[in-house]
């Protein structure tokens, strides 16, 4: 691994880690009550920006174009996982922006922020599934000695929790209430925790180049 690639991988890990931390904190009810709706939604907005920056680095490391037909299957699945995840982060940018604008001005009419949130969660789930397939193709299904197995499974679990959060965050047209505020918050919190741990573990697995005296 080149020094430049190692630096980019560490930046990617930092981006996902910081973004996850913002989402984790934003989903804590005590934090929401303490800072109010505007700061809470600003927290999610900033976290989504870190997600997008990290996903862009990941996509750049995977290559600007899809691998050719002659390439091996894990490389193809890795590229598509990175591409779909990047799209998912952009959708989260849209949903968090909509939520922040509405929190600042309740009379704002900028569209439904739930749809990009739900689609973003679906993108994360698909990207995580593709990453697991790529990991399984390279390594055994459960290999503690492998470098990437834990991150792939944690990201998949986190994506499932984000999906649960999106379902809970759906607003019922008849009443204007969420399907479940509890699961909207808990799904986000648990999903962010999984992403955070995965980012920390992936950063620890990146080899550090040491200069010789």
C-alpha atoms as a PDB file:
ATOM      1  CA  UNK A   1       0.000   0.000   0.000  1.00  0.00           C
ATOM      2  CA  UNK A   2       1.364   3.401  -0.974  1.00  0.00           C
ATOM      3  CA  UNK A   3       1.695   6.211   1.550  1.00  0.00           C
ATOM      4  CA  UNK A   4      -0.809   8.372  -0.369  1.00  0.00           C
ATOM      5  CA  UNK A   5      -3.438   5.632  -0.380  1.00  0.00           C
ATOM      6  CA  UNK A   6      -2.931   5.038   3.347  1.00  0.00           C
ATOM      7  CA  UNK A   7      -3.461   8.760   4.003  1.00  0.00           C
ATOM      8  CA  UNK A   8      -6.692   8.751   1.986  1.00  0.00           C
ATOM      9  CA  UNK A   9      -7.934   5.650   3.777  1.00  0.00           C
ATOM     10  CA  UNK A  10      -7.305   7.319   7.131  1.00  0.00           C
ATOM     11  CA  UNK A  11      -9.174  10.426   5.970  1.00  0.00           C
ATOM     12  CA  UNK A  12     -12.049   8.227   4.830  1.00  0.00           C
ATOM     13  CA  UNK A  13     -12.146   6.528   8.227  1.00  0.00           C
ATOM     14  CA  UNK A  14     -12.042   9.877  10.016  1.00  0.00           C
ATOM     15  CA  UNK A  15     -14.877  11.192   7.847  1.00  0.00           C
ATOM     16  CA  UNK A  16     -17.156   8.246   8.524  1.00  0.00           C
ATOM     17  CA  UNK A  17     -16.173   8.255  12.190  1.00  0.00           C
ATOM     18  CA  UNK A  18     -16.885  11.955  12.753  1.00  0.00           C
ATOM     19  CA  UNK A  19     -20.089  11.798  10.729  1.00  0.00           C
ATOM     20  CA  UNK A  20     -21.271   8.825  12.774  1.00  0.00           C
ATOM     21  CA  UNK A  21     -20.456  10.631  15.996  1.00  0.00           C
ATOM     22  CA  UNK A  22     -22.587  13.618  14.962  1.00  0.00           C
ATOM     23  CA  UNK A  23     -25.518  11.327  14.108  1.00  0.00           C
ATOM     24  CA  UNK A  24     -25.089   9.436  17.376  1.00  0.00           C
ATOM     25  CA  UNK A  25     -25.117  12.614  19.462  1.00  0.00           C
ATOM     26  CA  UNK A  26     -28.005  14.091  17.482  1.00  0.00           C
ATOM     27  CA  UNK A  27     -30.166  11.030  18.189  1.00  0.00           C
ATOM     28  CA  UNK A  28     -29.741  11.230  21.986  1.00  0.00           C
ATOM     29  CA  UNK A  29     -33.038  12.540  23.445  1.00  0.00           C
ATOM     30  CA  UNK A  30     -31.319  14.428  26.272  1.00  0.00           C
ATOM     31  CA  UNK A  31     -29.195  16.286  23.735  1.00  0.00           C
ATOM     32  CA  UNK A  32     -32.253  17.126  21.641  1.00  0.00           C
ATOM     33  CA  UNK A  33     -34.071  18.518  24.675  1.00  0.00           C
ATOM     34  CA  UNK A  34     -31.043  20.504  25.792  1.00  0.00           C
ATOM     35  CA  UNK A  35     -30.156  22.215  22.507  1.00  0.00           C
ATOM     36  CA  UNK A  36     -33.499  22.411  20.708  1.00  0.00           C
ATOM     37  CA  UNK A  37     -34.667  21.488  17.227  1.00  0.00           C
ATOM     38  CA  UNK A  38     -32.430  23.845  15.240  1.00  0.00           C
ATOM     39  CA  UNK A  39     -29.130  22.718  16.792  1.00  0.00           C
ATOM     40  CA  UNK A  40     -30.237  19.082  16.689  1.00  0.00           C
ATOM     41  CA  UNK A  41     -30.937  19.267  12.968  1.00  0.00           C
ATOM     42  CA  UNK A  42     -27.732  21.239  12.432  1.00  0.00           C
ATOM     43  CA  UNK A  43     -25.903  18.343  14.093  1.00  0.00           C
ATOM     44  CA  UNK A  44     -27.372  15.871  11.597  1.00  0.00           C
ATOM     45  CA  UNK A  45     -26.647  18.290   8.728  1.00  0.00           C
ATOM     46  CA  UNK A  46     -22.946  18.529   9.625  1.00  0.00           C
ATOM     47  CA  UNK A  47     -22.717  14.768  10.175  1.00  0.00           C
ATOM     48  CA  UNK A  48     -24.130  14.147   6.694  1.00  0.00           C
ATOM     49  CA  UNK A  49     -21.447  16.413   5.198  1.00  0.00           C
ATOM     50  CA  UNK A  50     -18.725  14.285   6.791  1.00  0.00           C
ATOM     51  CA  UNK A  51     -20.442  11.144   5.453  1.00  0.00           C
ATOM     52  CA  UNK A  52     -20.422  12.596   1.943  1.00  0.00           C
ATOM     53  CA  UNK A  53     -16.768  13.652   2.114  1.00  0.00           C
ATOM     54  CA  UNK A  54     -15.742  10.180   3.310  1.00  0.00           C
ATOM     55  CA  UNK A  55     -17.899   8.442   0.693  1.00  0.00           C
ATOM     56  CA  UNK A  56     -16.335  10.583  -2.050  1.00  0.00           C
ATOM     57  CA  UNK A  57     -12.858   9.536  -0.917  1.00  0.00           C
ATOM     58  CA  UNK A  58     -13.973   5.908  -0.872  1.00  0.00           C
ATOM     59  CA  UNK A  59     -15.374   6.173  -4.399  1.00  0.00           C
ATOM     60  CA  UNK A  60     -12.198   7.875  -5.651  1.00  0.00           C
ATOM     61  CA  UNK A  61     -10.093   5.079  -4.161  1.00  0.00           C
ATOM     62  CA  UNK A  62     -12.330   2.510  -5.865  1.00  0.00           C
ATOM     63  CA  UNK A  63     -11.786   4.126  -9.276  1.00  0.00           C
ATOM     64  CA  UNK A  64     -13.473   6.778 -11.400  1.00  0.00           C
ATOM     65  CA  UNK A  65     -15.274   4.223 -13.553  1.00  0.00           C
ATOM     66  CA  UNK A  66     -16.819   0.799 -12.932  1.00  0.00           C
ATOM     67  CA  UNK A  67     -14.277  -2.028 -13.257  1.00  0.00           C
ATOM     68  CA  UNK A  68     -14.171  -3.660 -16.672  1.00  0.00           C
ATOM     69  CA  UNK A  69     -15.793  -6.982 -17.380  1.00  0.00           C
ATOM     70  CA  UNK A  70     -12.494  -8.807 -17.097  1.00  0.00           C
ATOM     71  CA  UNK A  71     -11.921  -7.644 -13.522  1.00  0.00           C
ATOM     72  CA  UNK A  72     -12.622  -9.902 -10.574  1.00  0.00           C
ATOM     73  CA  UNK A  73     -15.999  -9.900  -8.866  1.00  0.00           C
ATOM     74  CA  UNK A  74     -14.909  -8.426  -5.494  1.00  0.00           C
ATOM     75  CA  UNK A  75     -13.513  -5.338  -7.241  1.00  0.00           C
ATOM     76  CA  UNK A  76     -16.791  -4.838  -9.112  1.00  0.00           C
ATOM     77  CA  UNK A  77     -18.858  -5.207  -5.955  1.00  0.00           C
ATOM     78  CA  UNK A  78     -16.525  -2.861  -4.054  1.00  0.00           C
ATOM     79  CA  UNK A  79     -16.906  -0.171  -6.730  1.00  0.00           C
ATOM     80  CA  UNK A  80     -20.669  -0.423  -6.842  1.00  0.00           C
ATOM     81  CA  UNK A  81     -20.844  -0.429  -3.037  1.00  0.00           C
ATOM     82  CA  UNK A  82     -18.854   2.822  -2.965  1.00  0.00           C
ATOM     83  CA  UNK A  83     -20.938   4.389  -5.756  1.00  0.00           C
ATOM     84  CA  UNK A  84     -24.301   3.494  -4.199  1.00  0.00           C
ATOM     85  CA  UNK A  85     -23.145   4.638  -0.774  1.00  0.00           C
ATOM     86  CA  UNK A  86     -22.035   7.993  -2.205  1.00  0.00           C
ATOM     87  CA  UNK A  87     -25.510   8.469  -3.700  1.00  0.00           C
ATOM     88  CA  UNK A  88     -26.964   7.583  -0.299  1.00  0.00           C
ATOM     89  CA  UNK A  89     -24.905  10.277   1.419  1.00  0.00           C
ATOM     90  CA  UNK A  90     -26.136  12.878  -1.086  1.00  0.00           C
ATOM     91  CA  UNK A  91     -29.704  11.872  -0.279  1.00  0.00           C
ATOM     92  CA  UNK A  92     -28.944  12.289   3.428  1.00  0.00           C
ATOM     93  CA  UNK A  93     -27.597  15.753   2.598  1.00  0.00           C
ATOM     94  CA  UNK A  94     -30.971  16.531   1.019  1.00  0.00           C
ATOM     95  CA  UNK A  95     -33.000  15.179   3.934  1.00  0.00           C
ATOM     96  CA  UNK A  96     -30.924  16.857   6.651  1.00  0.00           C
ATOM     97  CA  UNK A  97     -30.986  20.156   4.754  1.00  0.00           C
ATOM     98  CA  UNK A  98     -34.787  19.965   4.471  1.00  0.00           C
ATOM     99  CA  UNK A  99     -35.127  19.186   8.176  1.00  0.00           C
ATOM    100  CA  UNK A 100     -32.802  22.044   9.140  1.00  0.00           C
ATOM    101  CA  UNK A 101     -34.646  24.580   6.966  1.00  0.00           C
ATOM    102  CA  UNK A 102     -38.005  23.531   8.409  1.00  0.00           C
ATOM    103  CA  UNK A 103     -36.581  23.715  11.956  1.00  0.00           C
ATOM    104  CA  UNK A 104     -35.465  27.286  11.268  1.00  0.00           C
ATOM    105  CA  UNK A 105     -38.671  28.273   9.491  1.00  0.00           C
ATOM    106  CA  UNK A 106     -41.721  26.080  10.008  1.00  0.00           C
ATOM    107  CA  UNK A 107     -43.511  27.816   7.125  1.00  0.00           C
ATOM    108  CA  UNK A 108     -40.796  26.790   4.640  1.00  0.00           C
ATOM    109  CA  UNK A 109     -41.973  24.642   1.750  1.00  0.00           C
ATOM    110  CA  UNK A 110     -39.012  22.804   0.248  1.00  0.00           C
ATOM    111  CA  UNK A 111     -40.493  19.363  -0.292  1.00  0.00           C
ATOM    112  CA  UNK A 112     -40.684  16.210   1.747  1.00  0.00           C
ATOM    113  CA  UNK A 113     -37.444  15.449   3.580  1.00  0.00           C
ATOM    114  CA  UNK A 114     -38.534  11.925   4.460  1.00  0.00           C
ATOM    115  CA  UNK A 115     -38.267  10.524   0.929  1.00  0.00           C
ATOM    116  CA  UNK A 116     -34.537  11.208   0.492  1.00  0.00           C
ATOM    117  CA  UNK A 117     -34.006   9.958   4.044  1.00  0.00           C
ATOM    118  CA  UNK A 118     -35.713   6.651   3.203  1.00  0.00           C
ATOM    119  CA  UNK A 119     -33.937   6.359  -0.153  1.00  0.00           C
ATOM    120  CA  UNK A 120     -30.619   7.177   1.490  1.00  0.00           C
ATOM    121  CA  UNK A 121     -31.191   4.406   4.016  1.00  0.00           C
ATOM    122  CA  UNK A 122     -31.984   1.974   1.181  1.00  0.00           C
ATOM    123  CA  UNK A 123     -28.775   3.002  -0.601  1.00  0.00           C
ATOM    124  CA  UNK A 124     -26.763   2.399   2.577  1.00  0.00           C
ATOM    125  CA  UNK A 125     -28.371  -1.019   2.981  1.00  0.00           C
ATOM    126  CA  UNK A 126     -27.645  -2.018  -0.628  1.00  0.00           C
ATOM    127  CA  UNK A 127     -24.080  -0.676  -0.470  1.00  0.00           C
ATOM    128  CA  UNK A 128     -23.405  -2.574   2.762  1.00  0.00           C
ATOM    129  CA  UNK A 129     -24.778  -5.794   1.267  1.00  0.00           C
ATOM    130  CA  UNK A 130     -22.518  -5.380  -1.785  1.00  0.00           C
ATOM    131  CA  UNK A 131     -19.533  -4.755   0.501  1.00  0.00           C
ATOM    132  CA  UNK A 132     -20.298  -7.940   2.460  1.00  0.00           C
ATOM    133  CA  UNK A 133     -20.420  -9.931  -0.791  1.00  0.00           C
ATOM    134  CA  UNK A 134     -17.052  -8.483  -1.816  1.00  0.00           C
ATOM    135  CA  UNK A 135     -15.592  -9.301   1.597  1.00  0.00           C
ATOM    136  CA  UNK A 136     -16.915 -12.874   1.497  1.00  0.00           C
ATOM    137  CA  UNK A 137     -15.434 -13.348  -1.972  1.00  0.00           C
ATOM    138  CA  UNK A 138     -12.008 -12.294  -0.721  1.00  0.00           C
ATOM    139  CA  UNK A 139     -12.093 -13.903   2.704  1.00  0.00           C
ATOM    140  CA  UNK A 140     -14.059 -16.439   4.662  1.00  0.00           C
ATOM    141  CA  UNK A 141     -17.541 -15.583   5.893  1.00  0.00           C
ATOM    142  CA  UNK A 142     -16.276 -15.065   9.442  1.00  0.00           C
ATOM    143  CA  UNK A 143     -12.536 -14.540   9.715  1.00  0.00           C
ATOM    144  CA  UNK A 144     -11.246 -12.595  12.756  1.00  0.00           C
ATOM    145  CA  UNK A 145      -7.768 -12.497  11.202  1.00  0.00           C
ATOM    146  CA  UNK A 146      -8.985 -10.698   8.086  1.00  0.00           C
ATOM    147  CA  UNK A 147      -8.706  -6.924   7.839  1.00  0.00           C
ATOM    148  CA  UNK A 148     -12.187  -6.003   6.623  1.00  0.00           C
ATOM    149  CA  UNK A 149     -14.690  -8.567   7.861  1.00  0.00           C
ATOM    150  CA  UNK A 150     -15.752  -6.703  11.004  1.00  0.00           C
ATOM    151  CA  UNK A 151     -16.307  -3.385   9.248  1.00  0.00           C
ATOM    152  CA  UNK A 152     -18.435  -4.929   6.505  1.00  0.00           C
ATOM    153  CA  UNK A 153     -20.772  -6.657   8.943  1.00  0.00           C
ATOM    154  CA  UNK A 154     -20.982  -3.661  11.293  1.00  0.00           C
ATOM    155  CA  UNK A 155     -21.849  -1.367   8.384  1.00  0.00           C
ATOM    156  CA  UNK A 156     -24.561  -3.778   7.257  1.00  0.00           C
ATOM    157  CA  UNK A 157     -26.020  -3.874  10.771  1.00  0.00           C
ATOM    158  CA  UNK A 158     -25.831  -0.088  10.998  1.00  0.00           C
ATOM    159  CA  UNK A 159     -27.654   0.224   7.676  1.00  0.00           C
ATOM    160  CA  UNK A 160     -30.438  -2.033   8.972  1.00  0.00           C
ATOM    161  CA  UNK A 161     -30.819   0.249  12.002  1.00  0.00           C
ATOM    162  CA  UNK A 162     -30.877   3.332   9.749  1.00  0.00           C
ATOM    163  CA  UNK A 163     -33.653   1.651   7.755  1.00  0.00           C
ATOM    164  CA  UNK A 164     -35.627   1.070  10.944  1.00  0.00           C
ATOM    165  CA  UNK A 165     -35.091   4.729  11.826  1.00  0.00           C
ATOM    166  CA  UNK A 166     -36.443   5.818   8.443  1.00  0.00           C
ATOM    167  CA  UNK A 167     -39.597   3.758   8.967  1.00  0.00           C
ATOM    168  CA  UNK A 168     -40.070   5.255  12.422  1.00  0.00           C
ATOM    169  CA  UNK A 169     -39.565   8.779  11.062  1.00  0.00           C
ATOM    170  CA  UNK A 170     -42.403   8.535   8.541  1.00  0.00           C
ATOM    171  CA  UNK A 171     -45.041  11.184   9.204  1.00  0.00           C
ATOM    172  CA  UNK A 172     -48.614   9.946   9.218  1.00  0.00           C
ATOM    173  CA  UNK A 173     -50.656  12.235   6.923  1.00  0.00           C
ATOM    174  CA  UNK A 174     -53.816  11.991   9.037  1.00  0.00           C
ATOM    175  CA  UNK A 175     -52.255  13.119  12.316  1.00  0.00           C
ATOM    176  CA  UNK A 176     -48.878  14.639  11.438  1.00  0.00           C
ATOM    177  CA  UNK A 177     -47.226  12.359  14.017  1.00  0.00           C
ATOM    178  CA  UNK A 178     -44.256  10.082  13.402  1.00  0.00           C
ATOM    179  CA  UNK A 179     -44.837   6.343  13.151  1.00  0.00           C
ATOM    180  CA  UNK A 180     -42.473   5.965  16.117  1.00  0.00           C
ATOM    181  CA  UNK A 181     -40.260   8.718  17.512  1.00  0.00           C
ATOM    182  CA  UNK A 182     -38.673   6.093  19.757  1.00  0.00           C
ATOM    183  CA  UNK A 183     -37.492   3.931  16.845  1.00  0.00           C
ATOM    184  CA  UNK A 184     -36.581   6.964  14.752  1.00  0.00           C
ATOM    185  CA  UNK A 185     -34.118   8.002  17.460  1.00  0.00           C
ATOM    186  CA  UNK A 186     -33.013   4.536  18.572  1.00  0.00           C
ATOM    187  CA  UNK A 187     -32.458   3.315  15.010  1.00  0.00           C
ATOM    188  CA  UNK A 188     -30.315   6.355  14.235  1.00  0.00           C
ATOM    189  CA  UNK A 189     -28.382   6.012  17.496  1.00  0.00           C
ATOM    190  CA  UNK A 190     -27.645   2.288  17.088  1.00  0.00           C
ATOM    191  CA  UNK A 191     -26.860   2.653  13.388  1.00  0.00           C
ATOM    192  CA  UNK A 192     -24.457   5.513  14.051  1.00  0.00           C
ATOM    193  CA  UNK A 193     -22.792   3.475  16.819  1.00  0.00           C
ATOM    194  CA  UNK A 194     -22.195   0.609  14.380  1.00  0.00           C
ATOM    195  CA  UNK A 195     -20.766   2.966  11.754  1.00  0.00           C
ATOM    196  CA  UNK A 196     -18.554   4.630  14.358  1.00  0.00           C
ATOM    197  CA  UNK A 197     -17.080   1.350  15.603  1.00  0.00           C
ATOM    198  CA  UNK A 198     -16.549   0.185  12.017  1.00  0.00           C
ATOM    199  CA  UNK A 199     -14.707   3.417  11.188  1.00  0.00           C
ATOM    200  CA  UNK A 200     -12.479   3.130  14.265  1.00  0.00           C
ATOM    201  CA  UNK A 201     -11.642  -0.495  13.495  1.00  0.00           C
ATOM    202  CA  UNK A 202     -10.914   0.273   9.848  1.00  0.00           C
ATOM    203  CA  UNK A 203      -8.560   3.106  10.820  1.00  0.00           C
ATOM    204  CA  UNK A 204      -6.670   0.828  13.207  1.00  0.00           C
ATOM    205  CA  UNK A 205      -6.230  -1.742  10.432  1.00  0.00           C
ATOM    206  CA  UNK A 206      -4.561   0.745   8.049  1.00  0.00           C
ATOM    207  CA  UNK A 207      -0.786   0.194   8.072  1.00  0.00           C
ATOM    208  CA  UNK A 208       1.268   3.150   9.189  1.00  0.00           C
ATOM    209  CA  UNK A 209       4.426   3.924   7.219  1.00  0.00           C
ATOM    210  CA  UNK A 210       7.272   4.733   9.565  1.00  0.00           C
ATOM    211  CA  UNK A 211      10.313   6.664   8.500  1.00  0.00           C
ATOM    212  CA  UNK A 212      13.661   5.004   9.057  1.00  0.00           C
ATOM    213  CA  UNK A 213      16.418   6.861  10.879  1.00  0.00           C
END
